[in-house]
C-alpha atoms as a PDB file:
ATOM      1  CA  MET A   1      93.830 124.179 -88.874  1.00  0.00           C
ATOM      2  CA  ALA A   2      94.802 127.731 -90.366  1.00  0.00           C
ATOM      3  CA  THR A   3      97.361 126.169 -92.865  1.00  0.00           C
ATOM      4  CA  GLU A   4      94.526 123.890 -94.023  1.00  0.00           C
ATOM      5  CA  ILE A   5      91.991 126.780 -94.388  1.00  0.00           C
ATOM      6  CA  LYS A   6      94.521 128.415 -96.649  1.00  0.00           C
ATOM      7  CA  ALA A   7      95.350 125.219 -98.651  1.00  0.00           C
ATOM      8  CA  ASP A   8      91.600 124.651 -99.030  1.00  0.00           C
ATOM      9  CA  VAL A   9      90.951 128.212-100.485  1.00  0.00           C
ATOM     10  CA  PHE A  10      93.857 128.138-102.747  1.00  0.00           C
ATOM     11  CA  GLU A  11      93.087 124.714-103.995  1.00  0.00           C
ATOM     12  CA  ILE A  12      89.614 125.699-104.816  1.00  0.00           C
ATOM     13  CA  ILE A  13      90.674 128.758-106.623  1.00  0.00           C
ATOM     14  CA  ARG A  14      93.387 126.440-108.492  1.00  0.00           C
ATOM     15  CA  ASN A  15      90.526 124.206-109.702  1.00  0.00           C
ATOM     16  CA  VAL A  16      88.178 126.962-110.597  1.00  0.00           C
ATOM     17  CA  LYS A  17      90.869 128.824-112.545  1.00  0.00           C
ATOM     18  CA  ILE A  18      88.838 131.974-112.655  1.00  0.00           C
ATOM     19  CA  VAL A  19      88.188 134.569-110.020  1.00  0.00           C
ATOM     20  CA  PRO A  20      85.391 136.855-110.909  1.00  0.00           C
ATOM     21  CA  VAL A  21      86.179 140.564-109.593  1.00  0.00           C
ATOM     22  CA  ILE A  22      82.942 142.240-108.822  1.00  0.00           C
ATOM     23  CA  LYS A  23      81.894 145.707-107.944  1.00  0.00           C
ATOM     24  CA  LEU A  24      78.675 146.135-106.181  1.00  0.00           C
ATOM     25  CA  ASP A  25      76.762 149.289-105.942  1.00  0.00           C
ATOM     26  CA  SER A  26      73.966 147.989-103.775  1.00  0.00           C
ATOM     27  CA  VAL A  27      73.698 145.038-101.491  1.00  0.00           C
ATOM     28  CA  GLU A  28      70.537 143.966-103.313  1.00  0.00           C
ATOM     29  CA  GLN A  29      72.705 143.001-106.225  1.00  0.00           C
ATOM     30  CA  ALA A  30      75.080 140.767-104.275  1.00  0.00           C
ATOM     31  CA  VAL A  31      73.171 137.514-103.997  1.00  0.00           C
ATOM     32  CA  PRO A  32      71.581 137.470-107.550  1.00  0.00           C
ATOM     33  CA  LEU A  33      75.069 138.012-108.956  1.00  0.00           C
ATOM     34  CA  ALA A  34      76.659 135.349-106.941  1.00  0.00           C
ATOM     35  CA  GLU A  35      73.862 132.787-107.925  1.00  0.00           C
ATOM     36  CA  ALA A  36      74.509 133.823-111.491  1.00  0.00           C
ATOM     37  CA  LEU A  37      78.258 133.016-111.166  1.00  0.00           C
ATOM     38  CA  PHE A  38      77.525 129.788-109.202  1.00  0.00           C
ATOM     39  CA  ASN A  39      75.169 128.691-111.748  1.00  0.00           C
ATOM     40  CA  GLY A  40      77.735 129.359-114.630  1.00  0.00           C
ATOM     41  CA  GLY A  41      80.007 126.839-112.811  1.00  0.00           C
ATOM     42  CA  ILE A  42      82.212 129.469-110.988  1.00  0.00           C
ATOM     43  CA  PRO A  43      81.770 129.189-107.030  1.00  0.00           C
ATOM     44  CA  VAL A  44      84.243 131.940-106.390  1.00  0.00           C
ATOM     45  CA  ALA A  45      83.912 135.778-106.233  1.00  0.00           C
ATOM     46  CA  GLU A  46      86.151 138.583-105.185  1.00  0.00           C
ATOM     47  CA  VAL A  47      83.873 141.548-103.953  1.00  0.00           C
ATOM     48  CA  THR A  48      85.947 144.719-104.236  1.00  0.00           C
ATOM     49  CA  PHE A  49      85.956 147.420-101.646  1.00  0.00           C
ATOM     50  CA  ARG A  50      85.397 150.046-104.361  1.00  0.00           C
ATOM     51  CA  THR A  51      81.962 150.833-102.956  1.00  0.00           C
ATOM     52  CA  SER A  52      80.377 151.039 -99.597  1.00  0.00           C
ATOM     53  CA  ALA A  53      78.241 148.125-100.363  1.00  0.00           C
ATOM     54  CA  ALA A  54      81.261 145.697-100.287  1.00  0.00           C
ATOM     55  CA  ALA A  55      81.063 144.353 -96.709  1.00  0.00           C
ATOM     56  CA  ALA A  56      77.395 143.995 -96.474  1.00  0.00           C
ATOM     57  CA  SER A  57      77.447 142.309-100.028  1.00  0.00           C
ATOM     58  CA  ILE A  58      80.048 139.718 -98.563  1.00  0.00           C
ATOM     59  CA  SER A  59      77.829 138.932 -95.567  1.00  0.00           C
ATOM     60  CA  ALA A  60      74.895 138.551 -97.568  1.00  0.00           C
ATOM     61  CA  ILE A  61      76.513 136.222-100.006  1.00  0.00           C
ATOM     62  CA  ARG A  62      78.112 134.138 -97.303  1.00  0.00           C
ATOM     63  CA  LYS A  63      74.555 133.586 -95.744  1.00  0.00           C
ATOM     64  CA  ALA A  64      72.635 132.852 -98.834  1.00  0.00           C
ATOM     65  CA  LEU A  65      75.395 130.830-100.663  1.00  0.00           C
ATOM     66  CA  PRO A  66      77.520 128.906 -98.076  1.00  0.00           C
ATOM     67  CA  GLN A  67      78.920 126.767-100.844  1.00  0.00           C
ATOM     68  CA  MET A  68      80.522 130.001-102.529  1.00  0.00           C
ATOM     69  CA  ILE A  69      84.051 131.056-101.794  1.00  0.00           C
ATOM     70  CA  VAL A  70      83.724 134.673-101.180  1.00  0.00           C
ATOM     71  CA  GLY A  71      86.685 137.030-100.837  1.00  0.00           C
ATOM     72  CA  ALA A  72      87.416 140.607-100.689  1.00  0.00           C
ATOM     73  CA  GLY A  73      89.243 142.700-103.086  1.00  0.00           C
ATOM     74  CA  THR A  74      90.803 146.268-103.212  1.00  0.00           C
ATOM     75  CA  VAL A  75      91.709 145.994 -99.520  1.00  0.00           C
ATOM     76  CA  ILE A  76      94.048 148.905 -99.355  1.00  0.00           C
ATOM     77  CA  ASN A  77      94.143 149.482 -95.561  1.00  0.00           C
ATOM     78  CA  THR A  78      93.434 147.571 -92.302  1.00  0.00           C
ATOM     79  CA  GLU A  79      90.091 149.164 -91.868  1.00  0.00           C
ATOM     80  CA  TYR A  80      88.879 147.583 -95.079  1.00  0.00           C
ATOM     81  CA  ALA A  81      90.458 144.470 -93.767  1.00  0.00           C
ATOM     82  CA  ARG A  82      88.738 144.522 -90.675  1.00  0.00           C
ATOM     83  CA  LEU A  83      85.277 145.239 -92.318  1.00  0.00           C
ATOM     84  CA  ALA A  84      86.022 142.281 -94.746  1.00  0.00           C
ATOM     85  CA  ILE A  85      86.875 139.838 -91.966  1.00  0.00           C
ATOM     86  CA  ASP A  86      83.891 140.748 -89.950  1.00  0.00           C
ATOM     87  CA  ALA A  87      81.852 140.269 -92.768  1.00  0.00           C
ATOM     88  CA  GLY A  88      83.080 136.594 -93.425  1.00  0.00           C
ATOM     89  CA  ALA A  89      85.486 137.135 -96.305  1.00  0.00           C
ATOM     90  CA  GLN A  90      87.537 133.882 -96.842  1.00  0.00           C
ATOM     91  CA  PHE A  91      90.354 135.319 -98.480  1.00  0.00           C
ATOM     92  CA  ILE A  92      91.773 139.029 -98.811  1.00  0.00           C
ATOM     93  CA  VAL A  93      93.096 140.468-101.986  1.00  0.00           C
ATOM     94  CA  SER A  94      95.038 143.954-102.323  1.00  0.00           C
ATOM     95  CA  PRO A  95      96.002 145.832-105.565  1.00  0.00           C
ATOM     96  CA  GLY A  96      99.356 146.742-103.875  1.00  0.00           C
ATOM     97  CA  PHE A  97     101.843 145.472-101.233  1.00  0.00           C
ATOM     98  CA  ASN A  98     101.052 147.164 -97.770  1.00  0.00           C
ATOM     99  CA  LEU A  99     102.848 145.245 -95.045  1.00  0.00           C
ATOM    100  CA  GLU A 100     100.579 146.757 -92.376  1.00  0.00           C
ATOM    101  CA  THR A 101      97.566 145.335 -94.016  1.00  0.00           C
ATOM    102  CA  ILE A 102      99.219 141.953 -94.838  1.00  0.00           C
ATOM    103  CA  LYS A 103     100.256 141.566 -90.986  1.00  0.00           C
ATOM    104  CA  TYR A 104      96.715 142.479 -89.983  1.00  0.00           C
ATOM    105  CA  VAL A 105      95.215 139.900 -92.215  1.00  0.00           C
ATOM    106  CA  GLN A 106      97.760 137.083 -91.193  1.00  0.00           C
ATOM    107  CA  SER A 107      97.027 137.813 -87.614  1.00  0.00           C
ATOM    108  CA  PHE A 108      93.495 136.163 -88.361  1.00  0.00           C
ATOM    109  CA  ALA A 109      95.168 133.328 -90.184  1.00  0.00           C
ATOM    110  CA  LEU A 110      93.259 134.195 -93.411  1.00  0.00           C
ATOM    111  CA  PRO A 111      94.661 133.697 -96.988  1.00  0.00           C
ATOM    112  CA  MET A 112      96.216 136.980 -98.184  1.00  0.00           C
ATOM    113  CA  ILE A 113      96.816 137.577-101.757  1.00  0.00           C
ATOM    114  CA  PRO A 114      98.837 141.087-102.056  1.00  0.00           C
ATOM    115  CA  GLY A 115      99.391 142.771-105.178  1.00  0.00           C
ATOM    116  CA  VAL A 116     102.825 142.893-106.621  1.00  0.00           C
ATOM    117  CA  ALA A 117     104.594 144.543-109.614  1.00  0.00           C
ATOM    118  CA  THR A 118     108.367 144.208-109.102  1.00  0.00           C
ATOM    119  CA  PRO A 119     110.917 141.420-107.978  1.00  0.00           C
ATOM    120  CA  SER A 120     111.535 143.361-104.833  1.00  0.00           C
ATOM    121  CA  GLU A 121     107.948 143.053-103.740  1.00  0.00           C
ATOM    122  CA  ILE A 122     108.027 139.431-104.415  1.00  0.00           C
ATOM    123  CA  GLU A 123     111.150 138.954-102.237  1.00  0.00           C
ATOM    124  CA  VAL A 124     109.583 140.730 -99.304  1.00  0.00           C
ATOM    125  CA  ALA A 125     106.414 138.546 -99.757  1.00  0.00           C
ATOM    126  CA  LEU A 126     108.411 135.394 -99.458  1.00  0.00           C
ATOM    127  CA  CYS A 127     110.033 136.881 -96.485  1.00  0.00           C
ATOM    128  CA  ASN A 128     106.741 137.264 -95.086  1.00  0.00           C
ATOM    129  CA  GLY A 129     105.569 133.640 -95.768  1.00  0.00           C
ATOM    130  CA  LEU A 130     103.718 134.543 -98.865  1.00  0.00           C
ATOM    131  CA  ASP A 131     103.882 132.762-102.025  1.00  0.00           C
ATOM    132  CA  VAL A 132     100.601 133.314-103.813  1.00  0.00           C
ATOM    133  CA  LEU A 133     100.653 136.824-105.136  1.00  0.00           C
ATOM    134  CA  LYS A 134      98.455 139.018-107.413  1.00  0.00           C
ATOM    135  CA  LEU A 135     100.279 140.409-110.447  1.00  0.00           C
ATOM    136  CA  PHE A 136      98.614 143.610-111.100  1.00  0.00           C
ATOM    137  CA  PRO A 137      98.111 145.161-113.361  1.00  0.00           C
ATOM    138  CA  ALA A 138      99.010 142.211-115.368  1.00  0.00           C
ATOM    139  CA  GLU A 139      98.864 143.385-118.961  1.00  0.00           C
ATOM    140  CA  VAL A 140     100.295 146.687-118.225  1.00  0.00           C
ATOM    141  CA  LEU A 141     103.433 144.879-116.622  1.00  0.00           C
ATOM    142  CA  GLY A 142     104.028 142.900-119.595  1.00  0.00           C
ATOM    143  CA  GLY A 143     101.472 140.004-119.137  1.00  0.00           C
ATOM    144  CA  THR A 144     102.734 136.428-119.885  1.00  0.00           C
ATOM    145  CA  LYS A 145     106.072 137.757-120.737  1.00  0.00           C
ATOM    146  CA  MET A 146     106.454 139.216-117.102  1.00  0.00           C
ATOM    147  CA  LEU A 147     105.346 135.777-115.817  1.00  0.00           C
ATOM    148  CA  ASP A 148     107.956 134.020-117.804  1.00  0.00           C
ATOM    149  CA  ALA A 149     110.575 136.393-116.725  1.00  0.00           C
ATOM    150  CA  LEU A 150     109.691 135.787-112.978  1.00  0.00           C
ATOM    151  CA  LYS A 151     109.573 132.064-113.146  1.00  0.00           C
ATOM    152  CA  GLY A 152     113.366 131.642-113.048  1.00  0.00           C
ATOM    153  CA  PRO A 153     114.170 133.498-109.884  1.00  0.00           C
ATOM    154  CA  PHE A 154     110.900 132.581-108.188  1.00  0.00           C
ATOM    155  CA  PRO A 155     110.030 129.197-109.223  1.00  0.00           C
ATOM    156  CA  HIS A 156     107.702 128.341-106.360  1.00  0.00           C
ATOM    157  CA  VAL A 157     105.656 131.509-106.428  1.00  0.00           C
ATOM    158  CA  LYS A 158     102.040 131.279-107.964  1.00  0.00           C
ATOM    159  CA  PHE A 159     100.317 134.327-109.236  1.00  0.00           C
ATOM    160  CA  LEU A 160      96.787 135.526-109.695  1.00  0.00           C
ATOM    161  CA  PRO A 161      97.114 137.962-112.686  1.00  0.00           C
ATOM    162  CA  THR A 162      94.533 140.489-112.876  1.00  0.00           C
ATOM    163  CA  GLY A 163      94.258 143.675-114.837  1.00  0.00           C
ATOM    164  CA  GLY A 164      93.335 143.404-118.624  1.00  0.00           C
ATOM    165  CA  ILE A 165      92.474 139.714-118.592  1.00  0.00           C
ATOM    166  CA  ASN A 166      89.306 138.506-120.674  1.00  0.00           C
ATOM    167  CA  GLU A 167      88.049 135.834-122.434  1.00  0.00           C
ATOM    168  CA  LYS A 168      90.334 136.359-125.336  1.00  0.00           C
ATOM    169  CA  ASN A 169      93.666 136.096-123.435  1.00  0.00           C
ATOM    170  CA  MET A 170      92.820 134.111-120.283  1.00  0.00           C
ATOM    171  CA  LEU A 171      93.989 130.837-121.707  1.00  0.00           C
ATOM    172  CA  GLU A 172      97.551 132.319-122.376  1.00  0.00           C
ATOM    173  CA  TYR A 173      97.819 133.203-118.747  1.00  0.00           C
ATOM    174  CA  LEU A 174      96.362 129.953-117.382  1.00  0.00           C
ATOM    175  CA  ASN A 175      98.798 128.084-119.569  1.00  0.00           C
ATOM    176  CA  LYS A 176     101.637 129.296-117.669  1.00  0.00           C
ATOM    177  CA  LYS A 177     102.832 126.879-114.717  1.00  0.00           C
ATOM    178  CA  ASN A 178     103.309 129.690-112.175  1.00  0.00           C
ATOM    179  CA  VAL A 179      99.726 130.997-112.676  1.00  0.00           C
ATOM    180  CA  LEU A 180      97.156 129.671-109.892  1.00  0.00           C
ATOM    181  CA  ALA A 181      94.255 131.325-111.594  1.00  0.00           C
ATOM    182  CA  VAL A 182      93.382 134.639-113.227  1.00  0.00           C
ATOM    183  CA  GLY A 183      90.972 137.457-112.018  1.00  0.00           C
ATOM    184  CA  GLY A 184      88.679 139.530-114.203  1.00  0.00           C
ATOM    185  CA  SER A 185      85.361 141.133-114.663  1.00  0.00           C
ATOM    186  CA  TRP A 186      84.593 140.370-118.245  1.00  0.00           C
ATOM    187  CA  MET A 187      81.802 138.153-117.167  1.00  0.00           C
ATOM    188  CA  ILE A 188      80.028 140.705-115.030  1.00  0.00           C
ATOM    189  CA  SER A 189      76.816 142.182-116.493  1.00  0.00           C
ATOM    190  CA  PRO A 190      73.790 143.772-115.188  1.00  0.00           C
ATOM    191  CA  ASP A 191      72.023 141.064-117.075  1.00  0.00           C
ATOM    192  CA  PHE A 192      72.400 138.137-114.526  1.00  0.00           C
ATOM    193  CA  ASN A 193      71.266 135.461-117.244  1.00  0.00           C
ATOM    194  CA  GLN A 194      74.155 136.787-119.442  1.00  0.00           C
ATOM    195  CA  VAL A 195      76.559 136.513-116.535  1.00  0.00           C
ATOM    196  CA  THR A 196      75.684 132.643-116.071  1.00  0.00           C
ATOM    197  CA  GLU A 197      76.100 132.301-120.024  1.00  0.00           C
ATOM    198  CA  LEU A 198      79.541 134.084-120.083  1.00  0.00           C
ATOM    199  CA  CYS A 199      80.638 131.714-117.165  1.00  0.00           C
ATOM    200  CA  ILE A 200      79.535 128.748-118.960  1.00  0.00           C
ATOM    201  CA  GLN A 201      81.304 129.936-121.995  1.00  0.00           C
ATOM    202  CA  ALA A 202      84.470 130.506-120.042  1.00  0.00           C
ATOM    203  CA  LYS A 203      84.264 127.091-118.438  1.00  0.00           C
ATOM    204  CA  ASN A 204      83.804 125.526-121.699  1.00  0.00           C
ATOM    205  CA  GLN A 205      87.010 127.208-122.944  1.00  0.00           C
ATOM    206  CA  LEU A 206      88.809 125.791-119.952  1.00  0.00           C
ATOM    207  CA  ASN A 207      87.560 122.384-120.822  1.00  0.00           C
ATOM    208  CA  LEU A 208      89.006 122.497-124.276  1.00  0.00           C
ATOM    209  CA  LYS A 209      92.386 123.642-123.034  1.00  0.00           C
END
């Protein structure tokens, strides 16, 4: 069952192709923003633990929009992981590679997408049963050139590049066979109508791919 849960989450992310990375300053913003993303055709969100509203926001979105896949991002320690899991996060993302946090999340059989920046980290990830990894910060690390370089030694690894990705370069990433999806926040705006419109524009770009 745990394997099926992971496969389902990763398959949805692969099909959607974009994981919006959202920072919420208050829980009141959570459901309206999630609805705006969903209405724009993107039923996935990664709520970052960069504010104290993260856990409550995840919980609120899960309750209001059960059709949405909601993950937790910037999970840099086991305490954030515990809060995220208790709130109902369906996948966990970290900016770096913290084996203690990874093992903790794996004990709950939840999809874990740790951040990597080097081949050494990728090797450790593979040794711990992880083959879906966040390349971060993607643009700083070399972007698509880095992905091309990693494809040879790690042909079975899929990446979620995040960091510096926007509507202008997302297709360059998504055209790479070792990219599962891209993460970004370019579609996030205080104007929720604009969020929906930006999501629709991004989906239209994908349809023309």
